[in-house]
Amino acid sequence: HMMGLSGLTGTQQHLYVLAGGKIMQYSLADLKLLKSVDLPKPVPSADESFDSQFARLDDLPAPDYTDYFEDLKTFPEARRFLPKLPMEMSRGCWWGKSLHPQKAGGCSFCNLNLQWEGYRSKSHRRIVQELASLADRYELLSVSFTDNLLPPRNLQALFETIARLGRDFRFFAEIRATTSLDELLAMGKAGVAE
């Protein structure tokens, strides 16, 4: 739930914002002067972890879409739709860095992932656990993987494990044209359709 700046107590000096996997620290004195939604530059922190991204995606909490699904229930029947669950397996892009490790800015044709410092992915165990949990909680089997590219490590084994969950999933995912036939077949059996 959102809390306006007026709801903050006088003892609080900083506001911490999670944005794109980075924790940023803002001075409340600066924020109380704002008349727009633009945030000022984060203040330097004695703890450098406030200015860095999460190194291990397994350490992130699972997403909570409760408010979203509660809002959907308020739509008039004519405007209701069956949503897809967004799910993230990784952040960044492994492809450009693996082919051109000397290039700091990534691929010259792509401006995605400029905010990420390196590629990171969740463990297979965490991916499967989170997928099953989200599907159960929200009673949906349609999932959009939000990754720029699916994790390359043991992709076939990952989707074979997902298929063993025995659910009629329908997945959307972005992949490289170099994805192997065995990987594609495992993905298809698990439910990748788009």
C-alpha atoms as a PDB file:
ATOM      1  CA  HIS A   1       0.000   0.000   0.000  1.00  0.00           C
ATOM      2  CA  MET A   2       1.157   3.511  -0.790  1.00  0.00           C
ATOM      3  CA  MET A   3       1.820   5.969   2.009  1.00  0.00           C
ATOM      4  CA  GLY A   4       1.991   9.662   1.244  1.00  0.00           C
ATOM      5  CA  LEU A   5       4.870  11.742   2.545  1.00  0.00           C
ATOM      6  CA  SER A   6       2.472  13.353   5.028  1.00  0.00           C
ATOM      7  CA  GLY A   7       2.107   9.945   6.707  1.00  0.00           C
ATOM      8  CA  LEU A   8       5.781   9.734   7.606  1.00  0.00           C
ATOM      9  CA  THR A   9       6.820  10.389  11.175  1.00  0.00           C
ATOM     10  CA  GLY A  10       9.170  13.164  12.270  1.00  0.00           C
ATOM     11  CA  THR A  11      11.795  10.621  13.327  1.00  0.00           C
ATOM     12  CA  GLN A  12      12.288   9.274   9.817  1.00  0.00           C
ATOM     13  CA  GLN A  13      15.111  10.929   7.897  1.00  0.00           C
ATOM     14  CA  HIS A  14      15.288   8.825   4.753  1.00  0.00           C
ATOM     15  CA  LEU A  15      12.992   7.033   2.350  1.00  0.00           C
ATOM     16  CA  TYR A  16      14.250   3.888   0.651  1.00  0.00           C
ATOM     17  CA  VAL A  17      12.903   3.104  -2.804  1.00  0.00           C
ATOM     18  CA  LEU A  18      13.307  -0.190  -4.622  1.00  0.00           C
ATOM     19  CA  ALA A  19      13.524   0.535  -8.331  1.00  0.00           C
ATOM     20  CA  GLY A  20      14.748  -1.879 -10.942  1.00  0.00           C
ATOM     21  CA  GLY A  21      16.572  -4.009  -8.416  1.00  0.00           C
ATOM     22  CA  LYS A  22      18.413  -1.114  -6.864  1.00  0.00           C
ATOM     23  CA  ILE A  23      17.733   0.307  -3.429  1.00  0.00           C
ATOM     24  CA  MET A  24      17.963   4.091  -3.428  1.00  0.00           C
ATOM     25  CA  GLN A  25      18.049   6.306  -0.351  1.00  0.00           C
ATOM     26  CA  TYR A  26      16.332   9.712  -0.433  1.00  0.00           C
ATOM     27  CA  SER A  27      16.453  12.467   2.144  1.00  0.00           C
ATOM     28  CA  LEU A  28      12.943  13.221   3.419  1.00  0.00           C
ATOM     29  CA  ALA A  29      13.873  16.879   3.771  1.00  0.00           C
ATOM     30  CA  ASP A  30      14.424  16.982  -0.006  1.00  0.00           C
ATOM     31  CA  LEU A  31      11.273  14.988  -0.773  1.00  0.00           C
ATOM     32  CA  LYS A  32       8.992  17.233   1.285  1.00  0.00           C
ATOM     33  CA  LEU A  33       9.966  20.142  -0.963  1.00  0.00           C
ATOM     34  CA  LEU A  34       8.852  18.321  -4.123  1.00  0.00           C
ATOM     35  CA  LYS A  35       5.939  19.655  -6.125  1.00  0.00           C
ATOM     36  CA  SER A  36       6.180  17.023  -8.875  1.00  0.00           C
ATOM     37  CA  VAL A  37       6.668  13.289  -9.172  1.00  0.00           C
ATOM     38  CA  ASP A  38      10.320  13.642 -10.194  1.00  0.00           C
ATOM     39  CA  LEU A  39      12.597  12.275  -7.513  1.00  0.00           C
ATOM     40  CA  PRO A  40      15.823  14.095  -6.700  1.00  0.00           C
ATOM     41  CA  LYS A  41      19.149  12.306  -6.915  1.00  0.00           C
ATOM     42  CA  PRO A  42      19.577   9.730  -4.149  1.00  0.00           C
ATOM     43  CA  VAL A  43      21.702  10.897  -1.242  1.00  0.00           C
ATOM     44  CA  PRO A  44      25.033   9.137  -0.758  1.00  0.00           C
ATOM     45  CA  SER A  45      24.811   6.319   1.735  1.00  0.00           C
ATOM     46  CA  ALA A  46      27.415   5.121   4.186  1.00  0.00           C
ATOM     47  CA  ASP A  47      26.304   1.621   3.213  1.00  0.00           C
ATOM     48  CA  GLU A  48      27.117   1.126  -0.459  1.00  0.00           C
ATOM     49  CA  SER A  49      24.500  -1.628  -0.742  1.00  0.00           C
ATOM     50  CA  PHE A  50      21.872   1.132  -0.978  1.00  0.00           C
ATOM     51  CA  ASP A  51      23.360   2.172  -4.282  1.00  0.00           C
ATOM     52  CA  SER A  52      23.674  -1.250  -5.853  1.00  0.00           C
ATOM     53  CA  GLN A  53      21.476  -3.916  -7.340  1.00  0.00           C
ATOM     54  CA  PHE A  54      20.599  -7.238  -5.780  1.00  0.00           C
ATOM     55  CA  ALA A  55      23.375  -9.705  -6.518  1.00  0.00           C
ATOM     56  CA  ARG A  56      21.184 -12.784  -5.967  1.00  0.00           C
ATOM     57  CA  LEU A  57      17.670 -12.715  -7.408  1.00  0.00           C
ATOM     58  CA  ASP A  58      16.757 -15.653  -5.151  1.00  0.00           C
ATOM     59  CA  ASP A  59      16.961 -13.173  -2.253  1.00  0.00           C
ATOM     60  CA  LEU A  60      14.079 -11.087  -3.624  1.00  0.00           C
ATOM     61  CA  PRO A  61      10.605 -11.687  -2.223  1.00  0.00           C
ATOM     62  CA  ALA A  62       8.068 -13.301  -4.521  1.00  0.00           C
ATOM     63  CA  PRO A  63       5.858 -10.759  -6.270  1.00  0.00           C
ATOM     64  CA  ASP A  64       2.527  -9.933  -4.653  1.00  0.00           C
ATOM     65  CA  TYR A  65      -0.202  -9.137  -7.175  1.00  0.00           C
ATOM     66  CA  THR A  66      -3.066  -9.173  -4.659  1.00  0.00           C
ATOM     67  CA  ASP A  67      -4.010  -5.505  -5.172  1.00  0.00           C
ATOM     68  CA  TYR A  68      -4.035  -5.971  -8.951  1.00  0.00           C
ATOM     69  CA  PHE A  69      -6.398  -8.947  -8.800  1.00  0.00           C
ATOM     70  CA  GLU A  70      -8.630  -7.200  -6.252  1.00  0.00           C
ATOM     71  CA  ASP A  71      -8.873  -4.224  -8.643  1.00  0.00           C
ATOM     72  CA  LEU A  72      -9.796  -6.552 -11.526  1.00  0.00           C
ATOM     73  CA  LYS A  73     -12.815  -7.756  -9.548  1.00  0.00           C
ATOM     74  CA  THR A  74     -14.185  -4.199  -9.556  1.00  0.00           C
ATOM     75  CA  PHE A  75     -14.292  -3.984 -13.372  1.00  0.00           C
ATOM     76  CA  PRO A  76     -17.724  -4.092 -14.975  1.00  0.00           C
ATOM     77  CA  GLU A  77     -18.359  -7.530 -16.471  1.00  0.00           C
ATOM     78  CA  ALA A  78     -18.099  -6.209 -20.034  1.00  0.00           C
ATOM     79  CA  ARG A  79     -14.558  -4.938 -19.361  1.00  0.00           C
ATOM     80  CA  ARG A  80     -13.178  -7.986 -17.523  1.00  0.00           C
ATOM     81  CA  PHE A  81     -10.430 -10.085 -19.051  1.00  0.00           C
ATOM     82  CA  LEU A  82      -8.314 -13.082 -18.172  1.00  0.00           C
ATOM     83  CA  PRO A  83      -4.881 -11.693 -17.306  1.00  0.00           C
ATOM     84  CA  LYS A  84      -1.452 -13.263 -17.565  1.00  0.00           C
ATOM     85  CA  LEU A  85       0.856 -13.536 -14.596  1.00  0.00           C
ATOM     86  CA  PRO A  86       4.121 -11.660 -15.115  1.00  0.00           C
ATOM     87  CA  MET A  87       7.129 -13.595 -13.849  1.00  0.00           C
ATOM     88  CA  GLU A  88      10.815 -12.800 -13.910  1.00  0.00           C
ATOM     89  CA  MET A  89      13.532 -15.465 -14.115  1.00  0.00           C
ATOM     90  CA  SER A  90      16.478 -13.152 -14.774  1.00  0.00           C
ATOM     91  CA  ARG A  91      17.634  -9.570 -15.197  1.00  0.00           C
ATOM     92  CA  GLY A  92      19.954  -8.202 -17.791  1.00  0.00           C
ATOM     93  CA  CYS A  93      21.051  -9.918 -20.966  1.00  0.00           C
ATOM     94  CA  TRP A  94      23.580 -12.716 -21.178  1.00  0.00           C
ATOM     95  CA  TRP A  95      23.939 -12.712 -24.965  1.00  0.00           C
ATOM     96  CA  GLY A  96      25.871  -9.535 -25.695  1.00  0.00           C
ATOM     97  CA  LYS A  97      28.176  -9.922 -22.708  1.00  0.00           C
ATOM     98  CA  SER A  98      29.016 -13.516 -23.561  1.00  0.00           C
ATOM     99  CA  LEU A  99      29.927 -12.652 -27.146  1.00  0.00           C
ATOM    100  CA  HIS A 100      31.535  -9.262 -26.473  1.00  0.00           C
ATOM    101  CA  PRO A 101      32.814  -9.233 -22.864  1.00  0.00           C
ATOM    102  CA  GLN A 102      35.100  -6.271 -23.529  1.00  0.00           C
ATOM    103  CA  LYS A 103      32.158  -4.005 -24.421  1.00  0.00           C
ATOM    104  CA  ALA A 104      30.862  -2.343 -21.262  1.00  0.00           C
ATOM    105  CA  GLY A 105      27.674  -0.933 -22.798  1.00  0.00           C
ATOM    106  CA  GLY A 106      26.232  -4.110 -24.300  1.00  0.00           C
ATOM    107  CA  CYS A 107      25.226  -4.582 -27.927  1.00  0.00           C
ATOM    108  CA  SER A 108      25.361  -1.569 -30.224  1.00  0.00           C
ATOM    109  CA  PHE A 109      21.884  -2.373 -31.621  1.00  0.00           C
ATOM    110  CA  CYS A 110      20.166  -2.625 -28.231  1.00  0.00           C
ATOM    111  CA  ASN A 111      19.481  -0.078 -25.515  1.00  0.00           C
ATOM    112  CA  LEU A 112      17.856  -2.524 -23.106  1.00  0.00           C
ATOM    113  CA  ASN A 113      19.507  -3.442 -19.829  1.00  0.00           C
ATOM    114  CA  LEU A 114      21.671  -0.353 -19.567  1.00  0.00           C
ATOM    115  CA  GLN A 115      20.645  -0.110 -15.913  1.00  0.00           C
ATOM    116  CA  TRP A 116      21.865  -3.627 -15.035  1.00  0.00           C
ATOM    117  CA  GLU A 117      25.427  -4.359 -14.100  1.00  0.00           C
ATOM    118  CA  GLY A 118      25.775  -7.857 -15.468  1.00  0.00           C
ATOM    119  CA  TYR A 119      23.382 -10.700 -15.992  1.00  0.00           C
ATOM    120  CA  ARG A 120      21.744 -12.498 -13.053  1.00  0.00           C
ATOM    121  CA  SER A 121      19.142 -15.237 -12.862  1.00  0.00           C
ATOM    122  CA  LYS A 122      17.153 -17.059 -10.225  1.00  0.00           C
ATOM    123  CA  SER A 123      18.029 -20.669  -9.467  1.00  0.00           C
ATOM    124  CA  HIS A 124      15.955 -23.353 -11.189  1.00  0.00           C
ATOM    125  CA  ARG A 125      14.579 -24.394  -7.819  1.00  0.00           C
ATOM    126  CA  ARG A 126      13.398 -20.850  -7.060  1.00  0.00           C
ATOM    127  CA  ILE A 127      11.891 -20.424 -10.546  1.00  0.00           C
ATOM    128  CA  VAL A 128       9.834 -23.621 -10.298  1.00  0.00           C
ATOM    129  CA  GLN A 129       8.771 -22.903  -6.701  1.00  0.00           C
ATOM    130  CA  GLU A 130       7.739 -19.319  -7.518  1.00  0.00           C
ATOM    131  CA  LEU A 131       5.884 -20.386 -10.669  1.00  0.00           C
ATOM    132  CA  ALA A 132       3.872 -23.060  -8.818  1.00  0.00           C
ATOM    133  CA  SER A 133       3.156 -20.702  -5.928  1.00  0.00           C
ATOM    134  CA  LEU A 134       1.967 -17.843  -8.149  1.00  0.00           C
ATOM    135  CA  ALA A 135      -0.213 -20.175 -10.240  1.00  0.00           C
ATOM    136  CA  ASP A 136      -1.818 -21.582  -7.088  1.00  0.00           C
ATOM    137  CA  ARG A 137      -2.296 -18.229  -5.391  1.00  0.00           C
ATOM    138  CA  TYR A 138      -3.882 -16.449  -8.359  1.00  0.00           C
ATOM    139  CA  GLU A 139      -5.464 -19.515 -10.004  1.00  0.00           C
ATOM    140  CA  LEU A 140      -3.929 -18.745 -13.375  1.00  0.00           C
ATOM    141  CA  LEU A 141      -1.899 -20.887 -15.744  1.00  0.00           C
ATOM    142  CA  SER A 142      -1.131 -18.189 -18.309  1.00  0.00           C
ATOM    143  CA  VAL A 143       2.302 -16.680 -17.574  1.00  0.00           C
ATOM    144  CA  SER A 144       4.447 -14.096 -19.362  1.00  0.00           C
ATOM    145  CA  PHE A 145       8.127 -14.384 -18.596  1.00  0.00           C
ATOM    146  CA  THR A 146       9.352 -10.798 -18.488  1.00  0.00           C
ATOM    147  CA  ASP A 147      13.013 -11.600 -19.152  1.00  0.00           C
ATOM    148  CA  ASN A 148      14.697 -10.060 -22.178  1.00  0.00           C
ATOM    149  CA  LEU A 149      16.040 -13.562 -22.796  1.00  0.00           C
ATOM    150  CA  LEU A 150      15.415 -16.739 -20.855  1.00  0.00           C
ATOM    151  CA  PRO A 151      18.354 -17.971 -18.776  1.00  0.00           C
ATOM    152  CA  PRO A 152      20.720 -19.990 -21.000  1.00  0.00           C
ATOM    153  CA  ARG A 153      22.003 -22.399 -18.341  1.00  0.00           C
ATOM    154  CA  ASN A 154      20.283 -25.810 -18.474  1.00  0.00           C
ATOM    155  CA  LEU A 155      17.176 -24.381 -20.144  1.00  0.00           C
ATOM    156  CA  GLN A 156      16.039 -27.820 -21.269  1.00  0.00           C
ATOM    157  CA  ALA A 157      16.264 -29.231 -17.725  1.00  0.00           C
ATOM    158  CA  LEU A 158      14.375 -26.222 -16.338  1.00  0.00           C
ATOM    159  CA  PHE A 159      11.418 -26.705 -18.680  1.00  0.00           C
ATOM    160  CA  GLU A 160      11.436 -30.475 -18.178  1.00  0.00           C
ATOM    161  CA  THR A 161      11.063 -29.796 -14.437  1.00  0.00           C
ATOM    162  CA  ILE A 162       8.243 -27.324 -15.107  1.00  0.00           C
ATOM    163  CA  ALA A 163       6.482 -29.909 -17.309  1.00  0.00           C
ATOM    164  CA  ARG A 164       6.653 -32.420 -14.437  1.00  0.00           C
ATOM    165  CA  LEU A 165       4.454 -30.077 -12.390  1.00  0.00           C
ATOM    166  CA  GLY A 166       1.671 -31.556 -14.534  1.00  0.00           C
ATOM    167  CA  ARG A 167      -0.171 -28.301 -15.172  1.00  0.00           C
ATOM    168  CA  ASP A 168      -1.630 -26.966 -18.377  1.00  0.00           C
ATOM    169  CA  PHE A 169       0.526 -23.844 -18.475  1.00  0.00           C
ATOM    170  CA  ARG A 170       0.573 -21.406 -21.377  1.00  0.00           C
ATOM    171  CA  PHE A 171       3.782 -19.361 -21.432  1.00  0.00           C
ATOM    172  CA  PHE A 172       5.094 -16.376 -23.328  1.00  0.00           C
ATOM    173  CA  ALA A 173       8.892 -16.076 -23.498  1.00  0.00           C
ATOM    174  CA  GLU A 174      11.554 -14.315 -25.538  1.00  0.00           C
ATOM    175  CA  ILE A 175      14.351 -16.541 -26.805  1.00  0.00           C
ATOM    176  CA  ARG A 176      17.336 -16.428 -29.134  1.00  0.00           C
ATOM    177  CA  ALA A 177      17.141 -17.932 -32.593  1.00  0.00           C
ATOM    178  CA  THR A 178      20.042 -20.161 -31.511  1.00  0.00           C
ATOM    179  CA  THR A 179      17.870 -22.027 -28.974  1.00  0.00           C
ATOM    180  CA  SER A 180      18.403 -25.754 -29.631  1.00  0.00           C
ATOM    181  CA  LEU A 181      15.705 -28.096 -30.893  1.00  0.00           C
ATOM    182  CA  ASP A 182      15.867 -30.121 -27.653  1.00  0.00           C
ATOM    183  CA  GLU A 183      15.342 -26.927 -25.641  1.00  0.00           C
ATOM    184  CA  LEU A 184      12.444 -25.890 -27.861  1.00  0.00           C
ATOM    185  CA  LEU A 185      10.794 -29.301 -27.521  1.00  0.00           C
ATOM    186  CA  ALA A 186      11.118 -29.190 -23.717  1.00  0.00           C
ATOM    187  CA  MET A 187       9.716 -25.671 -23.695  1.00  0.00           C
ATOM    188  CA  GLY A 188       6.781 -26.730 -25.851  1.00  0.00           C
ATOM    189  CA  LYS A 189       5.972 -29.686 -23.593  1.00  0.00           C
ATOM    190  CA  ALA A 190       5.995 -27.376 -20.565  1.00  0.00           C
ATOM    191  CA  GLY A 191       3.601 -24.936 -22.246  1.00  0.00           C
ATOM    192  CA  VAL A 192       5.617 -22.270 -24.117  1.00  0.00           C
ATOM    193  CA  ALA A 193       3.212 -21.251 -26.865  1.00  0.00           C
ATOM    194  CA  GLU A 194       4.207 -17.692 -27.662  1.00  0.00           C
END
